[in-house]
Protein backbone atom coordinates (compact mmCIF):
# COMPACT_ATOMS: atom_id res chain seq x y z
CA MET A 1 55.85 22.29 -2.85
CA ALA A 2 58.51 19.65 -3.44
CA THR A 3 57.73 18.10 -0.05
CA PHE A 4 54.03 17.95 -0.96
CA LEU A 5 54.78 16.30 -4.30
CA ALA A 6 57.04 13.76 -2.59
CA TRP A 7 54.28 12.95 -0.10
CA LEU A 8 51.73 12.69 -2.92
CA GLU A 9 53.97 10.31 -4.86
CA LYS A 10 54.44 8.11 -1.80
CA ALA A 11 50.76 8.16 -0.72
CA LEU A 12 49.11 7.64 -4.11
CA ILE A 13 51.94 5.81 -5.84
CA LEU A 14 51.90 8.29 -8.71
CA SER A 15 54.75 9.17 -11.00
CA PRO A 16 55.86 12.82 -11.13
CA ASP A 17 54.24 13.18 -14.55
CA ASN A 18 50.88 11.89 -13.29
CA GLN A 19 51.16 14.11 -10.21
CA GLN A 20 51.53 17.11 -12.46
CA LYS A 21 48.53 16.04 -14.52
CA LEU A 22 46.41 15.55 -11.39
CA LEU A 23 47.27 18.97 -9.97
CA LEU A 24 46.66 20.60 -13.34
CA SER A 25 43.28 18.84 -13.58
CA LEU A 26 42.26 20.09 -10.13
CA LEU A 27 43.31 23.60 -11.07
CA TRP A 28 41.21 23.55 -14.22
CA VAL A 29 38.20 22.19 -12.31
CA ILE A 30 38.41 25.19 -9.99
CA VAL A 31 38.79 27.63 -12.89
CA VAL A 32 35.86 26.21 -14.86
CA TRP A 33 33.69 26.04 -11.73
CA ILE A 34 34.41 29.72 -10.92
CA PHE A 35 33.49 30.63 -14.50
CA TYR A 36 30.26 28.60 -14.19
CA ARG A 37 29.26 30.28 -10.92
CA PHE A 38 30.08 33.71 -12.40
CA VAL A 39 27.76 33.09 -15.37
CA MET A 40 24.98 31.77 -13.12
CA ARG A 41 25.18 34.63 -10.62
CA PHE A 42 25.60 37.64 -12.89
CA PHE A 43 23.87 36.68 -16.16
CA ILE A 44 21.33 33.88 -15.91
CA VAL A 45 19.63 35.20 -12.77
CA ARG A 46 18.81 38.39 -14.69
CA ILE A 47 16.64 36.54 -17.20
CA GLU A 48 13.02 37.31 -16.31
CA ALA A 49 11.22 34.55 -18.23
CA GLU A 50 11.20 31.47 -16.00
CA ARG A 51 11.28 28.91 -18.81
CA THR A 52 14.08 30.74 -20.66
CA ARG A 53 16.08 31.01 -17.42
CA TYR A 54 15.62 27.29 -16.84
CA GLN A 55 16.89 26.43 -20.35
CA TRP A 56 19.95 28.70 -19.97
CA ARG A 57 20.76 27.14 -16.60
CA LYS A 58 20.56 23.62 -18.04
CA ASN A 59 22.65 24.55 -21.12
CA SER A 60 25.28 26.21 -18.92
CA THR A 61 25.57 23.02 -16.87
CA TYR A 62 26.04 20.96 -20.03
CA LEU A 63 28.70 23.41 -21.24
CA PHE A 64 30.47 23.15 -17.87
CA TYR A 65 30.79 19.36 -18.17
CA PHE A 66 31.79 19.58 -21.83
CA LEU A 67 34.63 21.98 -21.02
CA LEU A 68 35.85 19.65 -18.28
CA ILE A 69 35.88 16.70 -20.69
CA LEU A 70 37.92 18.71 -23.20
CA VAL A 71 40.40 19.84 -20.53
CA PHE A 72 40.85 16.35 -19.09
CA GLY A 73 41.32 14.91 -22.57
CA ARG A 74 43.95 17.53 -23.37
CA ILE A 75 45.81 16.90 -20.09
CA TRP A 76 45.70 13.12 -19.83
CA LEU A 77 45.95 12.19 -23.52
CA ARG A 78 49.17 13.86 -24.49
CA GLY A 79 50.36 10.84 -26.45
CA GLY A 80 48.81 12.08 -29.68
CA LEU A 81 46.15 10.66 -31.97
CA ASP A 82 47.30 7.05 -31.67
CA ALA A 83 47.05 7.10 -27.88
CA PHE A 84 43.68 8.76 -28.08
CA SER A 85 42.37 6.19 -30.57
CA THR A 86 43.59 3.30 -28.45
CA TYR A 87 42.11 4.83 -25.33
CA LEU A 88 38.80 5.53 -27.06
CA GLY A 89 38.56 1.98 -28.41
CA LEU A 90 39.19 0.36 -25.05
CA LEU A 91 36.87 2.79 -23.32
CA SER A 92 33.99 2.26 -25.74
CA ALA A 93 34.29 -1.54 -25.55
CA GLY A 94 34.22 -1.50 -21.77
CA LEU A 95 31.37 0.98 -21.58
CA ALA A 96 29.27 -0.99 -24.07
CA ILE A 97 29.35 -4.01 -21.77
CA ALA A 98 29.32 -2.48 -18.30
CA MET A 99 27.18 0.62 -18.87
CA LYS A 100 24.58 -0.41 -21.45
CA ASP A 101 21.66 1.35 -19.76
CA PRO A 102 23.47 4.65 -18.99
CA ILE A 103 24.71 4.77 -22.58
CA ALA A 104 21.19 4.21 -23.89
CA ASN A 105 19.97 6.97 -21.58
CA PHE A 106 22.69 9.31 -22.83
CA PHE A 107 21.83 8.74 -26.48
CA GLY A 108 18.17 9.11 -25.57
CA TRP A 109 19.08 12.55 -24.23
CA VAL A 110 20.91 13.31 -27.50
CA LEU A 111 17.76 12.29 -29.38
CA ILE A 112 15.64 14.59 -27.21
CA LEU A 113 17.97 17.54 -27.89
CA TRP A 114 18.24 16.78 -31.61
CA ARG A 115 14.69 15.84 -32.62
CA ARG A 116 12.85 17.78 -29.90
CA PRO A 117 9.97 15.28 -29.51
CA PHE A 118 8.94 17.24 -26.44
CA SER A 119 10.08 20.20 -24.36
CA ILE A 120 9.55 21.60 -20.88
CA GLY A 121 5.88 22.23 -20.08
CA GLU A 122 4.42 19.96 -22.75
CA ARG A 123 2.07 17.09 -21.89
CA ILE A 124 3.23 13.67 -23.04
CA GLU A 125 2.50 9.97 -22.62
CA ILE A 126 5.24 7.35 -22.84
CA GLY A 127 4.45 3.73 -22.07
CA LYS A 128 2.00 3.67 -19.18
CA TYR A 129 3.03 7.09 -17.84
CA SER A 130 1.43 10.44 -18.66
CA GLY A 131 2.17 13.93 -17.43
CA ASP A 132 3.64 17.38 -17.98
CA VAL A 133 7.40 17.54 -18.60
CA VAL A 134 9.09 19.45 -15.75
CA ASP A 135 12.77 18.55 -16.21
CA ILE A 136 15.18 17.06 -18.78
CA ASN A 137 18.57 15.71 -17.68
CA VAL A 138 21.37 13.76 -19.32
CA PHE A 139 20.10 10.38 -18.11
CA GLU A 140 16.41 10.95 -17.35
CA PHE A 141 13.49 13.31 -17.76
CA SER A 142 10.79 14.04 -15.20
CA ILE A 143 7.05 14.47 -15.61
CA LEU A 144 4.31 15.66 -13.25
CA GLU A 145 1.96 12.68 -13.40
CA ILE A 146 -1.65 12.91 -14.56
CA GLY A 147 -4.37 10.26 -14.57
CA ASN A 148 -3.71 6.99 -12.73
CA TRP A 149 -6.28 7.02 -9.88
CA VAL A 150 -7.37 10.59 -10.81
CA ASP A 151 -10.00 10.99 -13.53
CA ALA A 152 -9.94 13.13 -16.68
CA ASP A 153 -6.18 13.66 -17.02
CA GLN A 154 -5.76 15.76 -13.88
CA SER A 155 -2.57 15.84 -11.83
CA THR A 156 -1.84 13.31 -9.09
CA GLY A 157 0.90 15.50 -7.62
CA ARG A 158 3.61 12.86 -8.13
CA VAL A 159 6.82 13.46 -10.10
CA ILE A 160 7.93 10.46 -12.19
CA HIS A 161 11.55 10.13 -13.34
CA ILE A 162 11.78 8.26 -16.65
CA PRO A 163 15.10 7.05 -18.15
CA ASN A 164 15.90 8.64 -21.49
CA GLY A 165 16.48 5.16 -22.93
CA LYS A 166 12.69 4.69 -22.94
CA MET A 167 12.70 6.86 -26.06
CA PHE A 168 14.00 3.84 -28.02
CA LEU A 169 11.63 1.30 -26.43
CA GLU A 170 8.23 2.94 -25.92
CA PRO A 171 5.91 4.91 -28.23
CA LEU A 172 5.74 8.58 -27.32
CA VAL A 173 2.51 10.61 -27.43
CA ASN A 174 2.74 14.40 -27.34
CA PHE A 175 -0.54 16.10 -26.44
CA SER A 176 0.88 19.56 -27.12
CA ARG A 177 1.94 19.15 -30.76
CA GLY A 178 -0.19 19.33 -33.89
CA ILE A 179 -3.32 21.43 -33.42
CA GLU A 180 -2.73 21.62 -29.64
CA GLN A 181 -6.31 20.53 -28.91
CA LEU A 182 -8.04 17.28 -28.00
CA TRP A 183 -11.20 15.69 -29.30
CA HIS A 184 -13.53 14.90 -26.43
CA GLU A 185 -16.87 13.07 -26.37
CA ILE A 186 -19.72 13.17 -23.85
CA PRO A 187 -22.43 10.47 -24.12
CA VAL A 188 -25.97 11.49 -23.12
CA LEU A 189 -28.50 8.63 -22.90
CA ILE A 190 -32.24 9.46 -23.06
CA THR A 191 -35.30 7.20 -23.07
CA PHE A 192 -37.01 5.90 -26.21
CA GLU A 193 -40.14 7.86 -25.21
CA SER A 194 -38.22 11.16 -25.16
CA ASP A 195 -38.32 13.69 -27.98
CA TRP A 196 -34.82 12.83 -29.15
CA SER A 197 -34.81 15.32 -32.05
CA LYS A 198 -35.52 18.21 -29.66
CA ALA A 199 -32.86 16.92 -27.27
CA LYS A 200 -30.34 16.75 -30.11
CA VAL A 201 -31.00 20.37 -31.09
CA LEU A 202 -30.57 21.50 -27.48
CA LEU A 203 -27.32 19.56 -27.09
CA GLN A 204 -25.98 20.99 -30.36
CA GLU A 205 -26.57 24.52 -29.08
CA ILE A 206 -24.85 23.71 -25.80
CA VAL A 207 -21.75 22.08 -27.28
CA GLU A 208 -21.24 24.94 -29.73
CA ARG A 209 -20.97 27.37 -26.82
CA TYR A 210 -18.16 25.40 -25.18
CA ALA A 211 -16.15 24.11 -28.16
CA VAL A 212 -12.77 25.76 -28.79
CA ILE A 213 -13.60 26.11 -32.51
CA PRO A 214 -17.40 26.43 -32.64
CA ASP A 215 -17.57 27.16 -36.39
CA GLY A 216 -15.31 24.24 -37.37
CA ASP A 217 -12.81 26.39 -39.29
CA LEU A 218 -9.70 24.36 -38.54
CA THR A 219 -7.75 25.00 -41.75
CA GLY A 220 -6.06 28.26 -40.82
CA TYR A 221 -5.76 27.19 -37.21
CA SER A 222 -4.05 23.96 -38.23
CA ASP A 223 -1.65 25.76 -40.58
CA GLU A 224 -0.51 27.94 -37.70
CA LYS A 225 -0.30 25.30 -34.96
CA ALA A 226 0.52 22.03 -36.75
CA LYS A 227 4.28 22.82 -36.81
CA GLY A 228 5.04 20.80 -39.90
CA TYR A 229 2.70 17.88 -39.28
CA MET A 230 0.37 16.75 -42.07
CA ILE A 231 -2.96 17.10 -40.24
CA SER A 232 -6.29 17.33 -42.02
CA TYR A 233 -9.84 17.08 -40.67
CA THR A 234 -12.92 16.94 -42.90
CA GLN A 235 -15.21 17.44 -39.91
CA SER A 236 -13.94 19.76 -37.18
CA ALA A 237 -17.11 21.54 -36.04
CA PRO A 238 -18.72 20.31 -32.80
CA THR A 239 -21.48 17.86 -33.51
CA VAL A 240 -23.95 15.47 -31.87
CA TYR A 241 -24.10 11.88 -33.11
CA THR A 242 -27.14 9.62 -32.73
CA SER A 243 -27.13 5.91 -31.94
CA VAL A 244 -29.35 3.37 -30.20
CA ARG A 245 -28.53 1.37 -27.09
CA GLU A 246 -30.46 -1.24 -25.13
CA SER A 247 -31.66 1.30 -22.57
CA GLY A 248 -32.41 4.24 -24.85
CA ILE A 249 -31.18 6.67 -27.50
CA LEU A 250 -27.56 7.72 -27.17
CA LEU A 251 -26.65 11.28 -28.20
CA THR A 252 -22.87 11.76 -28.22
CA LEU A 253 -21.40 15.26 -28.10
CA ARG A 254 -18.06 15.50 -29.91
CA TYR A 255 -16.02 18.72 -29.73
CA LEU A 256 -12.50 20.16 -29.50
CA CYS A 257 -11.29 21.30 -26.09
CA GLY A 258 -8.04 22.50 -24.56
CA ILE A 259 -5.42 19.94 -23.59
CA ARG A 260 -5.85 20.69 -19.90
CA ASN A 261 -9.56 21.57 -20.03
CA ARG A 262 -11.17 18.20 -20.69
CA ARG A 263 -12.63 17.79 -17.22
CA SER A 264 -13.61 21.44 -16.73
CA SER A 265 -15.37 21.66 -20.10
CA GLU A 266 -17.27 18.40 -19.44
CA HIS A 267 -18.26 19.71 -16.02
CA GLU A 268 -19.68 22.94 -17.49
CA ILE A 269 -21.48 21.14 -20.31
CA TRP A 270 -23.09 18.59 -17.98
CA GLU A 271 -24.35 21.30 -15.62
CA GLU A 272 -26.00 23.13 -18.49
CA VAL A 273 -27.45 19.90 -19.91
CA LEU A 274 -29.03 19.10 -16.53
CA GLN A 275 -30.48 22.60 -16.26
CA VAL A 276 -31.87 22.64 -19.82
CA PHE A 277 -33.35 19.13 -19.76
CA SER A 278 -35.12 19.84 -16.45
CA GLN A 279 -37.27 22.40 -18.29
CA TYR A 280 -38.80 19.80 -20.66
CA GLU A 281 -41.14 17.05 -19.54
CA ASP A 282 -40.75 15.16 -22.85
CA ILE A 283 -36.99 14.60 -22.35
CA ASP A 284 -35.85 12.07 -19.73
CA PHE A 285 -32.50 10.46 -19.00
CA ALA A 286 -32.44 6.70 -19.50
CA TYR A 287 -31.20 4.05 -17.10
CA PRO A 288 -31.30 0.22 -17.15
CA THR A 289 -34.88 -1.15 -16.99
CA GLN A 290 -36.74 -4.41 -17.50
CA ARG A 291 -40.22 -4.76 -19.01
CA PHE A 292 -42.60 -7.67 -18.39
CA TYR A 293 -45.66 -8.28 -20.63
CA THR A 294 -48.78 -10.14 -19.51
CA GLU A 295 -50.53 -12.76 -21.63
CA GLU A 296 -53.19 -10.21 -22.66
CA GLY A 297 -51.11 -8.62 -25.34
CA ASN A 298 -53.59 -5.78 -25.92
CA LYS A 299 -53.11 -4.44 -22.41
CA ALA A 300 -50.39 -2.01 -21.47
CA PRO A 301 -47.21 -3.74 -20.35
CA PHE A 302 -46.18 -3.89 -16.73
CA LYS A 303 -42.88 -2.04 -16.31
CA GLU A 304 -40.41 -2.60 -13.50
CA GLU A 305 -37.58 -0.11 -13.11
CA LEU A 306 -34.27 -1.22 -11.72
CA PRO A 307 -32.18 1.11 -9.59
């Protein structure tokens, strides 16, 4: 052992005291690592719930690093409180200059753990990125991207890694908080010659069958799901709004749907709208047209339809 210490002192130019600290540090790394592997192998793997097992695995990793920091501080800062204060002051000044971004990412991680603006599995939007949260680390979090070149908030299959420091720079949107539903609108344009009142009744019947809350009773639902947010809706039942456009009468279906069901619900509603409207000759979909009138104003106008 003495020969090894002599070689170590000559090779690394370390004093005997620092050699002892280095060997003691390596020993504690091995001990803490064995403890970490023991917990992972015999306790965490027995947790059946996948999300709970993931959280315990992440927390165990954080605890592993925290224990190492405590051990290294105890070994290498034996000079007492004054030495520790001096060391901490010099370290913080150097880190503030050289590691601005990693420090911002670290405190972003602290904010995520403290305030819980989102958690694993929730759908969020931060800056120009949207997706489902699949991982949270000390310096970054990862989302499974939605949107981009894919319509209606469906997955692209890409995983985006976002620095935690973005929490201080970009507004964060959480789709999964509050009432845990989304308002969605489907515009249906029919011709001026159509029986728009009949079409509106038919659309109202259709949208009520597919809305998450068809009766509009959102009060009790909001109390249960809002999670402390002050959310109030005076109109929560599905409805059909009427407006006029250049090419016809616009009937807009507005209803609540699931966070991940926007495209599927629109698909089902449109298929039923097409089937129902095909049964009525006095209801036609509108499209851009031009009308030309002759000089004989009493005659019927000549109508040219554009594709």
